Amino acid sequence: MAGEAERYNFIREKAGLSKKDFAESLGLSLSMNYQISSGRVPPPRELLERLSSLYGVNLHWFLTGKGESGLDADIAEIELYEQEAAAGYGREIENYQEKSIFKVPCSLIRPHHPKNLKAVYVSGDSMVDEQINDGDIVIFNINQREGNSICVVSVNNSLFVKRVIYDIPNNIVTLKSANKSYGPKQFSEYEINEINIIGRVIACWHKL
């Protein structure tokens, strides 16, 4: 490939993303994405760091065209905790968690980089309306802990998979199920320190 712009476009095509989605994943405007993809401006340093972090790009290849791109693997390896996270009433966190390697197609987790991801088993049916079922494996990004999304959360010594909703004006955090049989759990400003958002769920692997 002749230049950085061509290699930049190759990364997007390999990721299987539209120009809009690719730009958003890198924190770029469509205008800046066009400038870079057309070769009108060189990629800034912070963009190089994002390409490496999110997509596993070999920056030596990106800058020189030499060596492996880092994009050729079709299978990603993710650390799987041999621990259940409750989609229900809570599972105690084990002091010594066993771990194994969970292999998934790269297409399932793009644009996230495997090194930022972990996985855990689901126990219970409180998230069935979000297509997360008992016995599934959820994959979560430990670098994304924002609320108003489905997350793996620890509360005191119990592990959950719930939608986390922040009510900032009232300083309240709600853990919401996706099953009408389970009511929401609310935590006031005096209880918020009991909650630890471990990571945002980005994919779910269903058992057959």
C-alpha atoms as a PDB file:
ATOM      1  CA  MET A   1       0.000   0.000   0.000  1.00  0.00           C
ATOM      2  CA  ALA A   2       1.429   3.286  -1.145  1.00  0.00           C
ATOM      3  CA  GLY A   3       0.669   5.637   1.718  1.00  0.00           C
ATOM      4  CA  GLU A   4      -0.890   6.272   5.111  1.00  0.00           C
ATOM      5  CA  ALA A   5      -4.257   7.289   3.619  1.00  0.00           C
ATOM      6  CA  GLU A   6      -4.567   3.978   1.795  1.00  0.00           C
ATOM      7  CA  ARG A   7      -3.587   2.063   4.914  1.00  0.00           C
ATOM      8  CA  TYR A   8      -6.053   4.133   6.948  1.00  0.00           C
ATOM      9  CA  ASN A   9      -8.879   3.170   4.573  1.00  0.00           C
ATOM     10  CA  PHE A  10      -7.744  -0.452   4.685  1.00  0.00           C
ATOM     11  CA  ILE A  11      -8.179  -0.453   8.491  1.00  0.00           C
ATOM     12  CA  ARG A  12     -11.768   0.805   8.156  1.00  0.00           C
ATOM     13  CA  GLU A  13     -12.590  -1.822   5.526  1.00  0.00           C
ATOM     14  CA  LYS A  14     -11.013  -4.560   7.642  1.00  0.00           C
ATOM     15  CA  ALA A  15     -13.107  -3.419  10.626  1.00  0.00           C
ATOM     16  CA  GLY A  16     -16.257  -3.641   8.498  1.00  0.00           C
ATOM     17  CA  LEU A  17     -17.450  -0.173   9.549  1.00  0.00           C
ATOM     18  CA  SER A  18     -19.053   2.670   7.651  1.00  0.00           C
ATOM     19  CA  LYS A  19     -17.101   5.909   7.354  1.00  0.00           C
ATOM     20  CA  LYS A  20     -19.403   7.488   9.937  1.00  0.00           C
ATOM     21  CA  ASP A  21     -19.046   4.652  12.464  1.00  0.00           C
ATOM     22  CA  PHE A  22     -15.295   4.433  11.931  1.00  0.00           C
ATOM     23  CA  ALA A  23     -14.890   8.173  12.493  1.00  0.00           C
ATOM     24  CA  GLU A  24     -17.020   8.041  15.653  1.00  0.00           C
ATOM     25  CA  SER A  25     -15.004   5.130  17.037  1.00  0.00           C
ATOM     26  CA  LEU A  26     -11.863   7.244  16.710  1.00  0.00           C
ATOM     27  CA  GLY A  27     -13.414  10.439  18.059  1.00  0.00           C
ATOM     28  CA  LEU A  28     -13.204  12.203  14.687  1.00  0.00           C
ATOM     29  CA  SER A  29     -15.630  14.385  12.777  1.00  0.00           C
ATOM     30  CA  LEU A  30     -16.637  13.183   9.325  1.00  0.00           C
ATOM     31  CA  SER A  31     -14.781  16.163   7.886  1.00  0.00           C
ATOM     32  CA  MET A  32     -11.499  15.239   9.604  1.00  0.00           C
ATOM     33  CA  ASN A  33     -12.001  11.591   8.703  1.00  0.00           C
ATOM     34  CA  TYR A  34     -12.305  12.631   5.043  1.00  0.00           C
ATOM     35  CA  GLN A  35      -9.178  14.793   5.259  1.00  0.00           C
ATOM     36  CA  ILE A  36      -7.151  11.872   6.597  1.00  0.00           C
ATOM     37  CA  SER A  37      -8.637   9.193   4.340  1.00  0.00           C
ATOM     38  CA  SER A  38      -7.994  11.323   1.248  1.00  0.00           C
ATOM     39  CA  GLY A  39      -4.400  12.044   2.285  1.00  0.00           C
ATOM     40  CA  ARG A  40      -4.934  15.777   2.652  1.00  0.00           C
ATOM     41  CA  VAL A  41      -3.708  15.815   6.255  1.00  0.00           C
ATOM     42  CA  PRO A  42      -1.515  13.297   8.108  1.00  0.00           C
ATOM     43  CA  PRO A  43      -2.995  11.414  11.085  1.00  0.00           C
ATOM     44  CA  PRO A  44      -2.210  13.244  14.355  1.00  0.00           C
ATOM     45  CA  ARG A  45      -0.336  11.464  17.126  1.00  0.00           C
ATOM     46  CA  GLU A  46      -3.436  10.909  19.272  1.00  0.00           C
ATOM     47  CA  LEU A  47      -5.160   9.202  16.341  1.00  0.00           C
ATOM     48  CA  LEU A  48      -2.217   6.825  15.939  1.00  0.00           C
ATOM     49  CA  GLU A  49      -2.603   5.879  19.595  1.00  0.00           C
ATOM     50  CA  ARG A  50      -6.332   5.187  19.087  1.00  0.00           C
ATOM     51  CA  LEU A  51      -5.680   3.052  15.998  1.00  0.00           C
ATOM     52  CA  SER A  52      -3.236   0.964  18.007  1.00  0.00           C
ATOM     53  CA  SER A  53      -5.448   0.737  21.110  1.00  0.00           C
ATOM     54  CA  LEU A  54      -8.818   0.092  19.423  1.00  0.00           C
ATOM     55  CA  TYR A  55      -7.823  -1.921  16.378  1.00  0.00           C
ATOM     56  CA  GLY A  56      -4.453  -3.419  17.281  1.00  0.00           C
ATOM     57  CA  VAL A  57      -2.743  -1.658  14.387  1.00  0.00           C
ATOM     58  CA  ASN A  58       1.011  -2.130  14.110  1.00  0.00           C
ATOM     59  CA  LEU A  59       2.101   1.520  13.939  1.00  0.00           C
ATOM     60  CA  HIS A  60       5.412   0.660  12.252  1.00  0.00           C
ATOM     61  CA  TRP A  61       3.376  -0.861   9.415  1.00  0.00           C
ATOM     62  CA  PHE A  62       1.001   2.109   9.361  1.00  0.00           C
ATOM     63  CA  LEU A  63       3.791   4.680   9.121  1.00  0.00           C
ATOM     64  CA  THR A  64       6.169   2.796   6.815  1.00  0.00           C
ATOM     65  CA  GLY A  65       4.135   0.107   5.061  1.00  0.00           C
ATOM     66  CA  LYS A  66       6.600  -2.512   6.286  1.00  0.00           C
ATOM     67  CA  GLY A  67       5.863  -5.550   8.449  1.00  0.00           C
ATOM     68  CA  GLU A  68       2.533  -7.013   9.535  1.00  0.00           C
ATOM     69  CA  SER A  69      -0.536  -4.792   9.886  1.00  0.00           C
ATOM     70  CA  GLY A  70      -1.738  -6.450  13.099  1.00  0.00           C
ATOM     71  CA  LEU A  71      -5.201  -6.767  11.539  1.00  0.00           C
ATOM     72  CA  ASP A  72      -4.976 -10.267  10.141  1.00  0.00           C
ATOM     73  CA  ALA A  73      -6.181 -12.341  13.100  1.00  0.00           C
ATOM     74  CA  ASP A  74      -9.803 -13.511  12.795  1.00  0.00           C
ATOM     75  CA  ILE A  75     -10.054 -14.777  16.376  1.00  0.00           C
ATOM     76  CA  ALA A  76      -9.665 -12.694  19.541  1.00  0.00           C
ATOM     77  CA  GLU A  77      -8.714 -14.143  22.918  1.00  0.00           C
ATOM     78  CA  ILE A  78     -10.475 -12.659  25.952  1.00  0.00           C
ATOM     79  CA  GLU A  79      -9.938 -13.449  29.609  1.00  0.00           C
ATOM     80  CA  LEU A  80     -13.032 -15.222  30.985  1.00  0.00           C
ATOM     81  CA  TYR A  81     -13.668 -15.167  34.729  1.00  0.00           C
ATOM     82  CA  GLU A  82     -15.047 -18.474  35.966  1.00  0.00           C
ATOM     83  CA  GLN A  83     -17.562 -16.466  37.976  1.00  0.00           C
ATOM     84  CA  GLU A  84     -21.260 -15.770  37.560  1.00  0.00           C
ATOM     85  CA  ALA A  85     -22.686 -12.260  37.435  1.00  0.00           C
ATOM     86  CA  ALA A  86     -26.327 -12.189  38.467  1.00  0.00           C
ATOM     87  CA  ALA A  87     -29.062 -11.154  36.116  1.00  0.00           C
ATOM     88  CA  GLY A  88     -31.264 -11.532  39.166  1.00  0.00           C
ATOM     89  CA  TYR A  89     -30.607 -11.054  42.869  1.00  0.00           C
ATOM     90  CA  GLY A  90     -26.830 -11.059  43.065  1.00  0.00           C
ATOM     91  CA  ARG A  91     -23.921 -13.490  43.173  1.00  0.00           C
ATOM     92  CA  GLU A  92     -21.177 -13.357  45.779  1.00  0.00           C
ATOM     93  CA  ILE A  93     -17.784 -12.403  44.382  1.00  0.00           C
ATOM     94  CA  GLU A  94     -15.286 -15.187  44.867  1.00  0.00           C
ATOM     95  CA  ASN A  95     -12.024 -14.195  46.509  1.00  0.00           C
ATOM     96  CA  TYR A  96      -9.947 -16.306  44.147  1.00  0.00           C
ATOM     97  CA  GLN A  97     -11.459 -16.300  40.696  1.00  0.00           C
ATOM     98  CA  GLU A  98     -10.286 -18.896  38.209  1.00  0.00           C
ATOM     99  CA  LYS A  99      -9.740 -17.635  34.684  1.00  0.00           C
ATOM    100  CA  SER A 100      -9.682 -19.161  31.245  1.00  0.00           C
ATOM    101  CA  ILE A 101      -9.353 -17.922  27.678  1.00  0.00           C
ATOM    102  CA  PHE A 102     -12.533 -17.271  25.709  1.00  0.00           C
ATOM    103  CA  LYS A 103     -12.054 -17.149  21.928  1.00  0.00           C
ATOM    104  CA  VAL A 104     -14.491 -15.118  19.823  1.00  0.00           C
ATOM    105  CA  PRO A 105     -14.607 -13.845  16.230  1.00  0.00           C
ATOM    106  CA  CYS A 106     -13.079 -10.384  15.925  1.00  0.00           C
ATOM    107  CA  SER A 107     -16.243  -9.255  14.138  1.00  0.00           C
ATOM    108  CA  LEU A 108     -18.204  -9.731  17.396  1.00  0.00           C
ATOM    109  CA  ILE A 109     -16.147  -7.233  19.378  1.00  0.00           C
ATOM    110  CA  ARG A 110     -15.115  -4.576  16.847  1.00  0.00           C
ATOM    111  CA  PRO A 111     -14.170  -1.778  17.284  1.00  0.00           C
ATOM    112  CA  HIS A 112     -12.998  -2.788  20.780  1.00  0.00           C
ATOM    113  CA  HIS A 113      -9.496  -4.144  21.300  1.00  0.00           C
ATOM    114  CA  PRO A 114      -9.294  -7.550  23.056  1.00  0.00           C
ATOM    115  CA  LYS A 115      -6.818  -6.278  25.656  1.00  0.00           C
ATOM    116  CA  ASN A 116      -9.545  -3.944  27.010  1.00  0.00           C
ATOM    117  CA  LEU A 117     -12.116  -6.715  27.319  1.00  0.00           C
ATOM    118  CA  LYS A 118     -13.068  -9.314  29.919  1.00  0.00           C
ATOM    119  CA  ALA A 119     -15.906 -11.831  30.043  1.00  0.00           C
ATOM    120  CA  VAL A 120     -18.087 -13.391  32.726  1.00  0.00           C
ATOM    121  CA  TYR A 121     -20.964 -15.880  32.916  1.00  0.00           C
ATOM    122  CA  VAL A 122     -24.540 -14.699  33.483  1.00  0.00           C
ATOM    123  CA  SER A 123     -26.848 -16.269  36.066  1.00  0.00           C
ATOM    124  CA  GLY A 124     -30.568 -15.476  36.130  1.00  0.00           C
ATOM    125  CA  ASP A 125     -33.245 -13.999  33.907  1.00  0.00           C
ATOM    126  CA  SER A 126     -33.548 -10.350  34.922  1.00  0.00           C
ATOM    127  CA  MET A 127     -32.022  -9.111  31.626  1.00  0.00           C
ATOM    128  CA  VAL A 128     -33.955 -11.314  29.201  1.00  0.00           C
ATOM    129  CA  ASP A 129     -35.625  -8.355  27.481  1.00  0.00           C
ATOM    130  CA  GLU A 130     -32.117  -7.172  26.550  1.00  0.00           C
ATOM    131  CA  GLN A 131     -31.430 -10.614  25.019  1.00  0.00           C
ATOM    132  CA  ILE A 132     -29.114 -11.581  27.897  1.00  0.00           C
ATOM    133  CA  ASN A 133     -30.125 -15.017  29.152  1.00  0.00           C
ATOM    134  CA  ASP A 134     -29.187 -17.368  31.957  1.00  0.00           C
ATOM    135  CA  GLY A 135     -25.939 -19.159  31.098  1.00  0.00           C
ATOM    136  CA  ASP A 136     -24.814 -16.602  28.506  1.00  0.00           C
ATOM    137  CA  ILE A 137     -21.372 -15.010  28.546  1.00  0.00           C
ATOM    138  CA  VAL A 138     -21.206 -11.210  28.514  1.00  0.00           C
ATOM    139  CA  ILE A 139     -18.130  -9.415  27.224  1.00  0.00           C
ATOM    140  CA  PHE A 140     -17.381  -6.057  28.831  1.00  0.00           C
ATOM    141  CA  ASN A 141     -14.899  -3.230  28.313  1.00  0.00           C
ATOM    142  CA  ILE A 142     -13.052  -2.400  31.516  1.00  0.00           C
ATOM    143  CA  ASN A 143     -12.057   1.020  30.133  1.00  0.00           C
ATOM    144  CA  GLN A 144     -15.671   2.080  29.632  1.00  0.00           C
ATOM    145  CA  ARG A 145     -17.507   2.597  32.907  1.00  0.00           C
ATOM    146  CA  GLU A 146     -20.041   5.244  32.014  1.00  0.00           C
ATOM    147  CA  GLY A 147     -23.590   4.958  33.181  1.00  0.00           C
ATOM    148  CA  ASN A 148     -26.844   4.806  31.211  1.00  0.00           C
ATOM    149  CA  SER A 149     -25.702   1.538  29.665  1.00  0.00           C
ATOM    150  CA  ILE A 150     -25.655  -2.157  30.543  1.00  0.00           C
ATOM    151  CA  CYS A 151     -22.701  -2.889  32.781  1.00  0.00           C
ATOM    152  CA  VAL A 152     -21.094  -5.513  34.946  1.00  0.00           C
ATOM    153  CA  VAL A 153     -21.384  -4.027  38.425  1.00  0.00           C
ATOM    154  CA  SER A 154     -20.293  -5.061  41.892  1.00  0.00           C
ATOM    155  CA  VAL A 155     -22.373  -3.949  44.878  1.00  0.00           C
ATOM    156  CA  ASN A 156     -20.702  -4.657  48.190  1.00  0.00           C
ATOM    157  CA  ASN A 157     -19.701  -8.287  47.654  1.00  0.00           C
ATOM    158  CA  SER A 158     -22.164  -9.218  44.915  1.00  0.00           C
ATOM    159  CA  LEU A 159     -21.803  -9.147  41.132  1.00  0.00           C
ATOM    160  CA  PHE A 160     -24.592  -8.064  38.756  1.00  0.00           C
ATOM    161  CA  VAL A 161     -25.339  -7.414  35.109  1.00  0.00           C
ATOM    162  CA  LYS A 162     -27.727  -4.441  35.043  1.00  0.00           C
ATOM    163  CA  ARG A 163     -28.476  -1.226  33.230  1.00  0.00           C
ATOM    164  CA  VAL A 164     -26.870   1.610  35.198  1.00  0.00           C
ATOM    165  CA  ILE A 165     -28.778   4.905  35.197  1.00  0.00           C
ATOM    166  CA  TYR A 166     -27.418   8.109  36.719  1.00  0.00           C
ATOM    167  CA  ASP A 167     -29.746  10.776  38.065  1.00  0.00           C
ATOM    168  CA  ILE A 168     -27.095  13.464  38.437  1.00  0.00           C
ATOM    169  CA  PRO A 169     -29.303  16.318  39.781  1.00  0.00           C
ATOM    170  CA  ASN A 170     -30.537  14.106  42.634  1.00  0.00           C
ATOM    171  CA  ASN A 171     -27.262  12.173  43.014  1.00  0.00           C
ATOM    172  CA  ILE A 172     -28.990   8.803  42.648  1.00  0.00           C
ATOM    173  CA  VAL A 173     -27.799   5.682  40.827  1.00  0.00           C
ATOM    174  CA  THR A 174     -30.337   3.098  39.682  1.00  0.00           C
ATOM    175  CA  LEU A 175     -29.603  -0.486  38.676  1.00  0.00           C
ATOM    176  CA  LYS A 176     -32.430  -1.478  36.339  1.00  0.00           C
ATOM    177  CA  SER A 177     -33.405  -4.971  35.194  1.00  0.00           C
ATOM    178  CA  ALA A 178     -34.914  -5.844  31.811  1.00  0.00           C
ATOM    179  CA  ASN A 179     -37.573  -8.124  33.243  1.00  0.00           C
ATOM    180  CA  LYS A 180     -40.724  -6.782  34.891  1.00  0.00           C
ATOM    181  CA  SER A 181     -40.433  -9.428  37.618  1.00  0.00           C
ATOM    182  CA  TYR A 182     -37.460  -7.531  39.058  1.00  0.00           C
ATOM    183  CA  GLY A 183     -37.764  -4.013  40.395  1.00  0.00           C
ATOM    184  CA  PRO A 184     -35.035  -1.377  40.143  1.00  0.00           C
ATOM    185  CA  LYS A 185     -32.472  -0.885  42.894  1.00  0.00           C
ATOM    186  CA  GLN A 186     -31.750   2.729  43.813  1.00  0.00           C
ATOM    187  CA  PHE A 187     -28.706   4.041  45.651  1.00  0.00           C
ATOM    188  CA  SER A 188     -28.627   7.463  47.250  1.00  0.00           C
ATOM    189  CA  GLU A 189     -25.589   9.712  47.508  1.00  0.00           C
ATOM    190  CA  TYR A 190     -24.742   8.024  50.820  1.00  0.00           C
ATOM    191  CA  GLU A 191     -24.771   4.562  49.241  1.00  0.00           C
ATOM    192  CA  ILE A 192     -23.073   5.269  45.904  1.00  0.00           C
ATOM    193  CA  ASN A 193     -19.666   4.234  47.237  1.00  0.00           C
ATOM    194  CA  GLU A 194     -21.065   0.694  47.528  1.00  0.00           C
ATOM    195  CA  ILE A 195     -21.225   0.497  43.710  1.00  0.00           C
ATOM    196  CA  ASN A 196     -18.282  -0.279  41.443  1.00  0.00           C
ATOM    197  CA  ILE A 197     -18.893  -0.291  37.689  1.00  0.00           C
ATOM    198  CA  ILE A 198     -16.436  -2.895  36.410  1.00  0.00           C
ATOM    199  CA  GLY A 199     -17.105  -2.379  32.712  1.00  0.00           C
ATOM    200  CA  ARG A 200     -19.692  -1.695  30.015  1.00  0.00           C
ATOM    201  CA  VAL A 201     -21.178  -4.746  28.289  1.00  0.00           C
ATOM    202  CA  ILE A 202     -20.374  -4.648  24.566  1.00  0.00           C
ATOM    203  CA  ALA A 203     -21.460  -8.126  23.436  1.00  0.00           C
ATOM    204  CA  CYS A 204     -23.235 -11.262  24.586  1.00  0.00           C
ATOM    205  CA  TRP A 205     -22.449 -14.859  23.617  1.00  0.00           C
ATOM    206  CA  HIS A 206     -25.540 -17.046  23.751  1.00  0.00           C
ATOM    207  CA  LYS A 207     -25.400 -20.707  24.693  1.00  0.00           C
ATOM    208  CA  LEU A 208     -27.198 -23.168  22.426  1.00  0.00           C
END
